[in-house]
Amino acid sequence: ELTDTEITVTPDATRPPGYAMFLYPFVTVPPTVEMVYSIRVAQV
């Protein structure tokens, strides 16, 4: 949705999944200022 291409998303494991799962409840596509603020407050 952010690249305007038909490229197929392929799985990888470059990063461990812990932080991605933390971001999961907050994340939106596309990213918004409100999304980032919510993540920052959670981290505070």
ModelCIF file with pLDDT and N, C-alpha, C, O atoms, coordinates in Angstrom:
data_MODEL
#
_entry.id   MODEL 
#
_entity.id                         1 
_entity.type                       polymer 
_entity.pdbx_number_of_molecules   1 
#
_entity_poly.entity_id                      1 
_entity_poly.type                           'polypeptide(L)' 
_entity_poly.nstd_linkage                   no 
_entity_poly.nstd_monomer                   no 
_entity_poly.pdbx_seq_one_letter_code       ELTDTEITVTPDATRPPGYAMFLYPFVTVPPTVEMVYSIRVAQV 
_entity_poly.pdbx_seq_one_letter_code_can   ELTDTEITVTPDATRPPGYAMFLYPFVTVPPTVEMVYSIRVAQV 
_entity_poly.pdbx_strand_id                 A 
#
loop_
_entity_poly_seq.entity_id 
_entity_poly_seq.num 
_entity_poly_seq.mon_id 
_entity_poly_seq.hetero 
1 1  GLU n 
1 2  LEU n 
1 3  THR n 
1 4  ASP n 
1 5  THR n 
1 6  GLU n 
1 7  ILE n 
1 8  THR n 
1 9  VAL n 
1 10 THR n 
1 11 PRO n 
1 12 ASP n 
1 13 ALA n 
1 14 THR n 
1 15 ARG n 
1 16 PRO n 
1 17 PRO n 
1 18 GLY n 
1 19 TYR n 
1 20 ALA n 
1 21 MET n 
1 22 PHE n 
1 23 LEU n 
1 24 TYR n 
1 25 PRO n 
1 26 PHE n 
1 27 VAL n 
1 28 THR n 
1 29 VAL n 
1 30 PRO n 
1 31 PRO n 
1 32 THR n 
1 33 VAL n 
1 34 GLU n 
1 35 MET n 
1 36 VAL n 
1 37 TYR n 
1 38 SER n 
1 39 ILE n 
1 40 ARG n 
1 41 VAL n 
1 42 ALA n 
1 43 GLN n 
1 44 VAL n 
#
_struct_asym.id          A 
_struct_asym.entity_id   1 
#
loop_
_ma_qa_metric.id 
_ma_qa_metric.mode 
_ma_qa_metric.name 
_ma_qa_metric.software_group_id 
_ma_qa_metric.type 
1 global pLDDT . pLDDT 
2 local  pLDDT . pLDDT 
#
_ma_qa_metric_global.metric_id      1 
_ma_qa_metric_global.metric_value   87.41 
_ma_qa_metric_global.model_id       1 
_ma_qa_metric_global.ordinal_id     1 
#
loop_
_ma_qa_metric_local.label_asym_id 
_ma_qa_metric_local.label_comp_id 
_ma_qa_metric_local.label_seq_id 
_ma_qa_metric_local.metric_id 
_ma_qa_metric_local.metric_value 
_ma_qa_metric_local.model_id 
_ma_qa_metric_local.ordinal_id 
A GLU 1  2 77.00 1 1  
A LEU 2  2 74.00 1 2  
A THR 3  2 74.00 1 3  
A ASP 4  2 71.00 1 4  
A THR 5  2 70.00 1 5  
A GLU 6  2 72.00 1 6  
A ILE 7  2 76.00 1 7  
A THR 8  2 80.00 1 8  
A VAL 9  2 80.00 1 9  
A THR 10 2 85.00 1 10 
A PRO 11 2 86.00 1 11 
A ASP 12 2 85.00 1 12 
A ALA 13 2 79.00 1 13 
A THR 14 2 84.00 1 14 
A ARG 15 2 87.00 1 15 
A PRO 16 2 87.00 1 16 
A PRO 17 2 89.00 1 17 
A GLY 18 2 91.00 1 18 
A TYR 19 2 94.00 1 19 
A ALA 20 2 93.00 1 20 
A MET 21 2 93.00 1 21 
A PHE 22 2 95.00 1 22 
A LEU 23 2 95.00 1 23 
A TYR 24 2 94.00 1 24 
A PRO 25 2 94.00 1 25 
A PHE 26 2 95.00 1 26 
A VAL 27 2 93.00 1 27 
A THR 28 2 90.00 1 28 
A VAL 29 2 86.00 1 29 
A PRO 30 2 86.00 1 30 
A PRO 31 2 87.00 1 31 
A THR 32 2 87.00 1 32 
A VAL 33 2 87.00 1 33 
A GLU 34 2 90.00 1 34 
A MET 35 2 91.00 1 35 
A VAL 36 2 91.00 1 36 
A TYR 37 2 91.00 1 37 
A SER 38 2 94.00 1 38 
A ILE 39 2 95.00 1 39 
A ARG 40 2 94.00 1 40 
A VAL 41 2 95.00 1 41 
A ALA 42 2 96.00 1 42 
A GLN 43 2 96.00 1 43 
A VAL 44 2 97.00 1 44 
#
loop_
_atom_site.group_PDB 
_atom_site.id 
_atom_site.type_symbol 
_atom_site.label_atom_id 
_atom_site.label_alt_id 
_atom_site.label_comp_id 
_atom_site.label_asym_id 
_atom_site.label_entity_id 
_atom_site.label_seq_id 
_atom_site.pdbx_PDB_ins_code 
_atom_site.Cartn_x 
_atom_site.Cartn_y 
_atom_site.Cartn_z 
_atom_site.occupancy 
_atom_site.B_iso_or_equiv 
_atom_site.pdbx_formal_charge 
_atom_site.auth_seq_id 
_atom_site.auth_comp_id 
_atom_site.auth_asym_id 
_atom_site.auth_atom_id 
_atom_site.pdbx_PDB_model_num 
ATOM 1   N N  . GLU A 1 1  ? 0.816  -1.217  0.000  1.00 77.00 ? 1  GLU A N  1 
ATOM 2   C CA . GLU A 1 1  ? 0.000  0.000   0.000  1.00 77.00 ? 1  GLU A CA 1 
ATOM 3   C C  . GLU A 1 1  ? 0.852  1.271   0.000  1.00 77.00 ? 1  GLU A C  1 
ATOM 4   O O  . GLU A 1 1  ? 0.392  2.336   -0.411 1.00 77.00 ? 1  GLU A O  1 
ATOM 5   N N  . LEU A 1 2  ? 2.115  1.146   0.471  1.00 74.00 ? 2  LEU A N  1 
ATOM 6   C CA . LEU A 1 2  ? 2.987  2.316   0.557  1.00 74.00 ? 2  LEU A CA 1 
ATOM 7   C C  . LEU A 1 2  ? 3.936  2.433   -0.630 1.00 74.00 ? 2  LEU A C  1 
ATOM 8   O O  . LEU A 1 2  ? 4.644  3.431   -0.760 1.00 74.00 ? 2  LEU A O  1 
ATOM 9   N N  . THR A 1 3  ? 3.956  1.433   -1.489 1.00 74.00 ? 3  THR A N  1 
ATOM 10  C CA . THR A 1 3  ? 4.912  1.443   -2.601 1.00 74.00 ? 3  THR A CA 1 
ATOM 11  C C  . THR A 1 3  ? 4.253  1.576   -3.966 1.00 74.00 ? 3  THR A C  1 
ATOM 12  O O  . THR A 1 3  ? 4.927  1.831   -4.964 1.00 74.00 ? 3  THR A O  1 
ATOM 13  N N  . ASP A 1 4  ? 2.943  1.406   -4.009 1.00 71.00 ? 4  ASP A N  1 
ATOM 14  C CA . ASP A 1 4  ? 2.211  1.479   -5.290 1.00 71.00 ? 4  ASP A CA 1 
ATOM 15  C C  . ASP A 1 4  ? 2.788  0.512   -6.321 1.00 71.00 ? 4  ASP A C  1 
ATOM 16  O O  . ASP A 1 4  ? 2.900  0.838   -7.503 1.00 71.00 ? 4  ASP A O  1 
ATOM 17  N N  . THR A 1 5  ? 3.151  -0.676  -5.856 1.00 70.00 ? 5  THR A N  1 
ATOM 18  C CA . THR A 1 5  ? 3.684  -1.702  -6.757 1.00 70.00 ? 5  THR A CA 1 
ATOM 19  C C  . THR A 1 5  ? 2.925  -3.002  -6.518 1.00 70.00 ? 5  THR A C  1 
ATOM 20  O O  . THR A 1 5  ? 2.158  -3.135  -5.565 1.00 70.00 ? 5  THR A O  1 
ATOM 21  N N  . GLU A 1 6  ? 3.161  -3.938  -7.399 1.00 72.00 ? 6  GLU A N  1 
ATOM 22  C CA . GLU A 1 6  ? 2.531  -5.255  -7.291 1.00 72.00 ? 6  GLU A CA 1 
ATOM 23  C C  . GLU A 1 6  ? 3.500  -6.290  -6.743 1.00 72.00 ? 6  GLU A C  1 
ATOM 24  O O  . GLU A 1 6  ? 3.266  -7.492  -6.876 1.00 72.00 ? 6  GLU A O  1 
ATOM 25  N N  . ILE A 1 7  ? 4.586  -5.837  -6.129 1.00 76.00 ? 7  ILE A N  1 
ATOM 26  C CA . ILE A 1 7  ? 5.588  -6.761  -5.591 1.00 76.00 ? 7  ILE A CA 1 
ATOM 27  C C  . ILE A 1 7  ? 4.972  -7.585  -4.462 1.00 76.00 ? 7  ILE A C  1 
ATOM 28  O O  . ILE A 1 7  ? 4.301  -7.049  -3.580 1.00 76.00 ? 7  ILE A O  1 
ATOM 29  N N  . THR A 1 8  ? 5.211  -8.893  -4.504 1.00 80.00 ? 8  THR A N  1 
ATOM 30  C CA . THR A 1 8  ? 4.699  -9.789  -3.470 1.00 80.00 ? 8  THR A CA 1 
ATOM 31  C C  . THR A 1 8  ? 5.576  -9.691  -2.220 1.00 80.00 ? 8  THR A C  1 
ATOM 32  O O  . THR A 1 8  ? 6.801  -9.793  -2.289 1.00 80.00 ? 8  THR A O  1 
ATOM 33  N N  . VAL A 1 9  ? 4.923  -9.495  -1.093 1.00 80.00 ? 9  VAL A N  1 
ATOM 34  C CA . VAL A 1 9  ? 5.651  -9.433  0.181  1.00 80.00 ? 9  VAL A CA 1 
ATOM 35  C C  . VAL A 1 9  ? 6.120  -10.834 0.543  1.00 80.00 ? 9  VAL A C  1 
ATOM 36  O O  . VAL A 1 9  ? 5.320  -11.769 0.600  1.00 80.00 ? 9  VAL A O  1 
ATOM 37  N N  . THR A 1 10 ? 7.415  -10.975 0.786  1.00 85.00 ? 10 THR A N  1 
ATOM 38  C CA . THR A 1 10 ? 7.990  -12.276 1.137  1.00 85.00 ? 10 THR A CA 1 
ATOM 39  C C  . THR A 1 10 ? 8.469  -12.262 2.577  1.00 85.00 ? 10 THR A C  1 
ATOM 40  O O  . THR A 1 10 ? 9.029  -11.263 3.028  1.00 85.00 ? 10 THR A O  1 
ATOM 41  N N  . PRO A 1 11 ? 8.261  -13.343 3.304  1.00 86.00 ? 11 PRO A N  1 
ATOM 42  C CA . PRO A 1 11 ? 8.667  -13.379 4.718  1.00 86.00 ? 11 PRO A CA 1 
ATOM 43  C C  . PRO A 1 11 ? 10.175 -13.422 4.883  1.00 86.00 ? 11 PRO A C  1 
ATOM 44  O O  . PRO A 1 11 ? 10.892 -13.933 4.022  1.00 86.00 ? 11 PRO A O  1 
ATOM 45  N N  . ASP A 1 12 ? 10.650 -12.881 6.001  1.00 85.00 ? 12 ASP A N  1 
ATOM 46  C CA . ASP A 1 12 ? 12.061 -12.972 6.366  1.00 85.00 ? 12 ASP A CA 1 
ATOM 47  C C  . ASP A 1 12 ? 12.154 -12.888 7.884  1.00 85.00 ? 12 ASP A C  1 
ATOM 48  O O  . ASP A 1 12 ? 11.152 -12.677 8.567  1.00 85.00 ? 12 ASP A O  1 
ATOM 49  N N  . ALA A 1 13 ? 13.341 -13.051 8.394  1.00 79.00 ? 13 ALA A N  1 
ATOM 50  C CA . ALA A 1 13 ? 13.536 -13.013 9.847  1.00 79.00 ? 13 ALA A CA 1 
ATOM 51  C C  . ALA A 1 13 ? 14.809 -12.252 10.179 1.00 79.00 ? 13 ALA A C  1 
ATOM 52  O O  . ALA A 1 13 ? 15.623 -12.700 10.988 1.00 79.00 ? 13 ALA A O  1 
ATOM 53  N N  . THR A 1 14 ? 14.972 -11.095 9.545  1.00 84.00 ? 14 THR A N  1 
ATOM 54  C CA . THR A 1 14 ? 16.147 -10.273 9.801  1.00 84.00 ? 14 THR A CA 1 
ATOM 55  C C  . THR A 1 14 ? 16.157 -9.744  11.220 1.00 84.00 ? 14 THR A C  1 
ATOM 56  O O  . THR A 1 14 ? 17.213 -9.659  11.847 1.00 84.00 ? 14 THR A O  1 
ATOM 57  N N  . ARG A 1 15 ? 14.992 -9.388  11.730 1.00 87.00 ? 15 ARG A N  1 
ATOM 58  C CA . ARG A 1 15 ? 14.857 -8.853  13.082 1.00 87.00 ? 15 ARG A CA 1 
ATOM 59  C C  . ARG A 1 15 ? 14.052 -9.812  13.958 1.00 87.00 ? 15 ARG A C  1 
ATOM 60  O O  . ARG A 1 15 ? 13.150 -10.488 13.464 1.00 87.00 ? 15 ARG A O  1 
ATOM 61  N N  . PRO A 1 16 ? 14.368 -9.878  15.252 1.00 87.00 ? 16 PRO A N  1 
ATOM 62  C CA . PRO A 1 16 ? 13.528 -10.680 16.147 1.00 87.00 ? 16 PRO A CA 1 
ATOM 63  C C  . PRO A 1 16 ? 12.148 -10.057 16.265 1.00 87.00 ? 16 PRO A C  1 
ATOM 64  O O  . PRO A 1 16 ? 12.003 -8.853  16.057 1.00 87.00 ? 16 PRO A O  1 
ATOM 65  N N  . PRO A 1 17 ? 11.122 -10.849 16.595 1.00 89.00 ? 17 PRO A N  1 
ATOM 66  C CA . PRO A 1 17 ? 9.738  -10.369 16.479 1.00 89.00 ? 17 PRO A CA 1 
ATOM 67  C C  . PRO A 1 17 ? 9.192  -9.604  17.673 1.00 89.00 ? 17 PRO A C  1 
ATOM 68  O O  . PRO A 1 17 ? 8.076  -9.090  17.606 1.00 89.00 ? 17 PRO A O  1 
ATOM 69  N N  . GLY A 1 18 ? 9.947  -9.511  18.769 1.00 91.00 ? 18 GLY A N  1 
ATOM 70  C CA . GLY A 1 18 ? 9.390  -8.924  19.979 1.00 91.00 ? 18 GLY A CA 1 
ATOM 71  C C  . GLY A 1 18 ? 8.883  -7.505  19.813 1.00 91.00 ? 18 GLY A C  1 
ATOM 72  O O  . GLY A 1 18 ? 7.754  -7.197  20.193 1.00 91.00 ? 18 GLY A O  1 
ATOM 73  N N  . TYR A 1 19 ? 9.711  -6.641  19.248 1.00 94.00 ? 19 TYR A N  1 
ATOM 74  C CA . TYR A 1 19 ? 9.305  -5.233  19.128 1.00 94.00 ? 19 TYR A CA 1 
ATOM 75  C C  . TYR A 1 19 ? 8.201  -5.055  18.089 1.00 94.00 ? 19 TYR A C  1 
ATOM 76  O O  . TYR A 1 19 ? 7.318  -4.214  18.256 1.00 94.00 ? 19 TYR A O  1 
ATOM 77  N N  . ALA A 1 20 ? 8.250  -5.840  17.024 1.00 93.00 ? 20 ALA A N  1 
ATOM 78  C CA . ALA A 1 20 ? 7.185  -5.755  16.021 1.00 93.00 ? 20 ALA A CA 1 
ATOM 79  C C  . ALA A 1 20 ? 5.832  -6.105  16.640 1.00 93.00 ? 20 ALA A C  1 
ATOM 80  O O  . ALA A 1 20 ? 4.822  -5.483  16.311 1.00 93.00 ? 20 ALA A O  1 
ATOM 81  N N  . MET A 1 21 ? 5.805  -7.094  17.530 1.00 93.00 ? 21 MET A N  1 
ATOM 82  C CA . MET A 1 21 ? 4.552  -7.459  18.184 1.00 93.00 ? 21 MET A CA 1 
ATOM 83  C C  . MET A 1 21 ? 4.090  -6.373  19.155 1.00 93.00 ? 21 MET A C  1 
ATOM 84  O O  . MET A 1 21 ? 2.892  -6.184  19.369 1.00 93.00 ? 21 MET A O  1 
ATOM 85  N N  . PHE A 1 22 ? 5.050  -5.667  19.735 1.00 95.00 ? 22 PHE A N  1 
ATOM 86  C CA . PHE A 1 22 ? 4.694  -4.523  20.587 1.00 95.00 ? 22 PHE A CA 1 
ATOM 87  C C  . PHE A 1 22 ? 4.036  -3.422  19.757 1.00 95.00 ? 22 PHE A C  1 
ATOM 88  O O  . PHE A 1 22 ? 3.079  -2.789  20.204 1.00 95.00 ? 22 PHE A O  1 
ATOM 89  N N  . LEU A 1 23 ? 4.559  -3.193  18.536 1.00 95.00 ? 23 LEU A N  1 
ATOM 90  C CA . LEU A 1 23 ? 4.006  -2.157  17.663 1.00 95.00 ? 23 LEU A CA 1 
ATOM 91  C C  . LEU A 1 23 ? 2.650  -2.545  17.083 1.00 95.00 ? 23 LEU A C  1 
ATOM 92  O O  . LEU A 1 23 ? 1.862  -1.678  16.705 1.00 95.00 ? 23 LEU A O  1 
ATOM 93  N N  . TYR A 1 24 ? 2.380  -3.838  17.012 1.00 94.00 ? 24 TYR A N  1 
ATOM 94  C CA . TYR A 1 24 ? 1.203  -4.349  16.305 1.00 94.00 ? 24 TYR A CA 1 
ATOM 95  C C  . TYR A 1 24 ? -0.109 -3.651  16.690 1.00 94.00 ? 24 TYR A C  1 
ATOM 96  O O  . TYR A 1 24 ? -0.864 -3.288  15.788 1.00 94.00 ? 24 TYR A O  1 
ATOM 97  N N  . PRO A 1 25 ? -0.423 -3.443  17.971 1.00 94.00 ? 25 PRO A N  1 
ATOM 98  C CA . PRO A 1 25 ? -1.722 -2.816  18.298 1.00 94.00 ? 25 PRO A CA 1 
ATOM 99  C C  . PRO A 1 25 ? -1.827 -1.372  17.841 1.00 94.00 ? 25 PRO A C  1 
ATOM 100 O O  . PRO A 1 25 ? -2.933 -0.857  17.673 1.00 94.00 ? 25 PRO A O  1 
ATOM 101 N N  . PHE A 1 26 ? -0.689 -0.706  17.636 1.00 95.00 ? 26 PHE A N  1 
ATOM 102 C CA . PHE A 1 26 ? -0.703 0.719   17.316 1.00 95.00 ? 26 PHE A CA 1 
ATOM 103 C C  . PHE A 1 26 ? -0.603 1.008   15.821 1.00 95.00 ? 26 PHE A C  1 
ATOM 104 O O  . PHE A 1 26 ? -1.033 2.070   15.369 1.00 95.00 ? 26 PHE A O  1 
ATOM 105 N N  . VAL A 1 27 ? -0.042 0.080   15.049 1.00 93.00 ? 27 VAL A N  1 
ATOM 106 C CA . VAL A 1 27 ? 0.384  0.389   13.698 1.00 93.00 ? 27 VAL A CA 1 
ATOM 107 C C  . VAL A 1 27 ? -0.796 0.613   12.764 1.00 93.00 ? 27 VAL A C  1 
ATOM 108 O O  . VAL A 1 27 ? -1.826 -0.055  12.854 1.00 93.00 ? 27 VAL A O  1 
ATOM 109 N N  . THR A 1 28 ? -0.612 1.582   11.858 1.00 90.00 ? 28 THR A N  1 
ATOM 110 C CA . THR A 1 28 ? -1.595 1.866   10.811 1.00 90.00 ? 28 THR A CA 1 
ATOM 111 C C  . THR A 1 28 ? -0.869 1.962   9.473  1.00 90.00 ? 28 THR A C  1 
ATOM 112 O O  . THR A 1 28 ? 0.326  2.255   9.420  1.00 90.00 ? 28 THR A O  1 
ATOM 113 N N  . VAL A 1 29 ? -1.604 1.712   8.402  1.00 86.00 ? 29 VAL A N  1 
ATOM 114 C CA . VAL A 1 29 ? -1.055 1.833   7.050  1.00 86.00 ? 29 VAL A CA 1 
ATOM 115 C C  . VAL A 1 29 ? -1.937 2.808   6.267  1.00 86.00 ? 29 VAL A C  1 
ATOM 116 O O  . VAL A 1 29 ? -3.097 2.504   5.992  1.00 86.00 ? 29 VAL A O  1 
ATOM 117 N N  . PRO A 1 30 ? -1.396 3.978   5.906  1.00 86.00 ? 30 PRO A N  1 
ATOM 118 C CA . PRO A 1 30 ? -0.030 4.455   6.123  1.00 86.00 ? 30 PRO A CA 1 
ATOM 119 C C  . PRO A 1 30 ? 0.179  4.917   7.564  1.00 86.00 ? 30 PRO A C  1 
ATOM 120 O O  . PRO A 1 30 ? -0.786 5.074   8.313  1.00 86.00 ? 30 PRO A O  1 
ATOM 121 N N  . PRO A 1 31 ? 1.438  5.135   7.955  1.00 87.00 ? 31 PRO A N  1 
ATOM 122 C CA . PRO A 1 31 ? 1.696  5.629   9.311  1.00 87.00 ? 31 PRO A CA 1 
ATOM 123 C C  . PRO A 1 31 ? 1.183  7.048   9.488  1.00 87.00 ? 31 PRO A C  1 
ATOM 124 O O  . PRO A 1 31 ? 1.182  7.843   8.548  1.00 87.00 ? 31 PRO A O  1 
ATOM 125 N N  . THR A 1 32 ? 0.752  7.355   10.692 1.00 87.00 ? 32 THR A N  1 
ATOM 126 C CA . THR A 1 32 ? 0.223  8.685   10.985 1.00 87.00 ? 32 THR A CA 1 
ATOM 127 C C  . THR A 1 32 ? 0.939  9.268   12.198 1.00 87.00 ? 32 THR A C  1 
ATOM 128 O O  . THR A 1 32 ? 1.599  8.560   12.959 1.00 87.00 ? 32 THR A O  1 
ATOM 129 N N  . VAL A 1 33 ? 0.789  10.569  12.351 1.00 87.00 ? 33 VAL A N  1 
ATOM 130 C CA . VAL A 1 33 ? 1.354  11.244  13.518 1.00 87.00 ? 33 VAL A CA 1 
ATOM 131 C C  . VAL A 1 33 ? 0.721  10.693  14.796 1.00 87.00 ? 33 VAL A C  1 
ATOM 132 O O  . VAL A 1 33 ? 1.403  10.507  15.804 1.00 87.00 ? 33 VAL A O  1 
ATOM 133 N N  . GLU A 1 34 ? -0.581 10.436  14.746 1.00 90.00 ? 34 GLU A N  1 
ATOM 134 C CA . GLU A 1 34 ? -1.275 9.896   15.924 1.00 90.00 ? 34 GLU A CA 1 
ATOM 135 C C  . GLU A 1 34 ? -0.733 8.519   16.298 1.00 90.00 ? 34 GLU A C  1 
ATOM 136 O O  . GLU A 1 34 ? -0.588 8.211   17.481 1.00 90.00 ? 34 GLU A O  1 
ATOM 137 N N  . MET A 1 35 ? -0.436 7.693   15.302 1.00 91.00 ? 35 MET A N  1 
ATOM 138 C CA . MET A 1 35 ? 0.130  6.369   15.562 1.00 91.00 ? 35 MET A CA 1 
ATOM 139 C C  . MET A 1 35 ? 1.465  6.483   16.281 1.00 91.00 ? 35 MET A C  1 
ATOM 140 O O  . MET A 1 35 ? 1.705  5.803   17.279 1.00 91.00 ? 35 MET A O  1 
ATOM 141 N N  . VAL A 1 36 ? 2.331  7.346   15.766 1.00 91.00 ? 36 VAL A N  1 
ATOM 142 C CA . VAL A 1 36 ? 3.654  7.516   16.363 1.00 91.00 ? 36 VAL A CA 1 
ATOM 143 C C  . VAL A 1 36 ? 3.539  8.062   17.786 1.00 91.00 ? 36 VAL A C  1 
ATOM 144 O O  . VAL A 1 36 ? 4.272  7.632   18.675 1.00 91.00 ? 36 VAL A O  1 
ATOM 145 N N  . TYR A 1 37 ? 2.631  8.998   18.001 1.00 91.00 ? 37 TYR A N  1 
ATOM 146 C CA . TYR A 1 37 ? 2.461  9.568   19.337 1.00 91.00 ? 37 TYR A CA 1 
ATOM 147 C C  . TYR A 1 37 ? 1.995  8.499   20.329 1.00 91.00 ? 37 TYR A C  1 
ATOM 148 O O  . TYR A 1 37 ? 2.469  8.455   21.464 1.00 91.00 ? 37 TYR A O  1 
ATOM 149 N N  . SER A 1 38 ? 1.075  7.647   19.903 1.00 94.00 ? 38 SER A N  1 
ATOM 150 C CA . SER A 1 38 ? 0.588  6.579   20.782 1.00 94.00 ? 38 SER A CA 1 
ATOM 151 C C  . SER A 1 38 ? 1.717  5.629   21.161 1.00 94.00 ? 38 SER A C  1 
ATOM 152 O O  . SER A 1 38 ? 1.817  5.205   22.313 1.00 94.00 ? 38 SER A O  1 
ATOM 153 N N  . ILE A 1 39 ? 2.561  5.298   20.197 1.00 95.00 ? 39 ILE A N  1 
ATOM 154 C CA . ILE A 1 39 ? 3.696  4.413   20.478 1.00 95.00 ? 39 ILE A CA 1 
ATOM 155 C C  . ILE A 1 39 ? 4.650  5.070   21.460 1.00 95.00 ? 39 ILE A C  1 
ATOM 156 O O  . ILE A 1 39 ? 5.132  4.429   22.393 1.00 95.00 ? 39 ILE A O  1 
ATOM 157 N N  . ARG A 1 40 ? 4.919  6.346   21.246 1.00 94.00 ? 40 ARG A N  1 
ATOM 158 C CA . ARG A 1 40 ? 5.833  7.064   22.140 1.00 94.00 ? 40 ARG A CA 1 
ATOM 159 C C  . ARG A 1 40 ? 5.288  7.125   23.564 1.00 94.00 ? 40 ARG A C  1 
ATOM 160 O O  . ARG A 1 40 ? 6.039  6.930   24.520 1.00 94.00 ? 40 ARG A O  1 
ATOM 161 N N  . VAL A 1 41 ? 4.005  7.389   23.714 1.00 95.00 ? 41 VAL A N  1 
ATOM 162 C CA . VAL A 1 41 ? 3.409  7.442   25.054 1.00 95.00 ? 41 VAL A CA 1 
ATOM 163 C C  . VAL A 1 41 ? 3.494  6.067   25.722 1.00 95.00 ? 41 VAL A C  1 
ATOM 164 O O  . VAL A 1 41 ? 3.796  5.976   26.912 1.00 95.00 ? 41 VAL A O  1 
ATOM 165 N N  . ALA A 1 42 ? 3.232  5.009   24.971 1.00 96.00 ? 42 ALA A N  1 
ATOM 166 C CA . ALA A 1 42 ? 3.354  3.651   25.520 1.00 96.00 ? 42 ALA A CA 1 
ATOM 167 C C  . ALA A 1 42 ? 4.784  3.393   25.977 1.00 96.00 ? 42 ALA A C  1 
ATOM 168 O O  . ALA A 1 42 ? 5.007  2.770   27.015 1.00 96.00 ? 42 ALA A O  1 
ATOM 169 N N  . GLN A 1 43 ? 5.748  3.871   25.204 1.00 96.00 ? 43 GLN A N  1 
ATOM 170 C CA . GLN A 1 43 ? 7.147  3.673   25.582 1.00 96.00 ? 43 GLN A CA 1 
ATOM 171 C C  . GLN A 1 43 ? 7.518  4.520   26.796 1.00 96.00 ? 43 GLN A C  1 
ATOM 172 O O  . GLN A 1 43 ? 8.344  4.101   27.607 1.00 96.00 ? 43 GLN A O  1 
ATOM 173 N N  . VAL A 1 44 ? 6.928  5.693   26.931 1.00 97.00 ? 44 VAL A N  1 
ATOM 174 C CA . VAL A 1 44 ? 7.138  6.505   28.129 1.00 97.00 ? 44 VAL A CA 1 
ATOM 175 C C  . VAL A 1 44 ? 6.646  5.757   29.366 1.00 97.00 ? 44 VAL A C  1 
ATOM 176 O O  . VAL A 1 44 ? 6.736  6.276   30.479 1.00 97.00 ? 44 VAL A O  1 
#
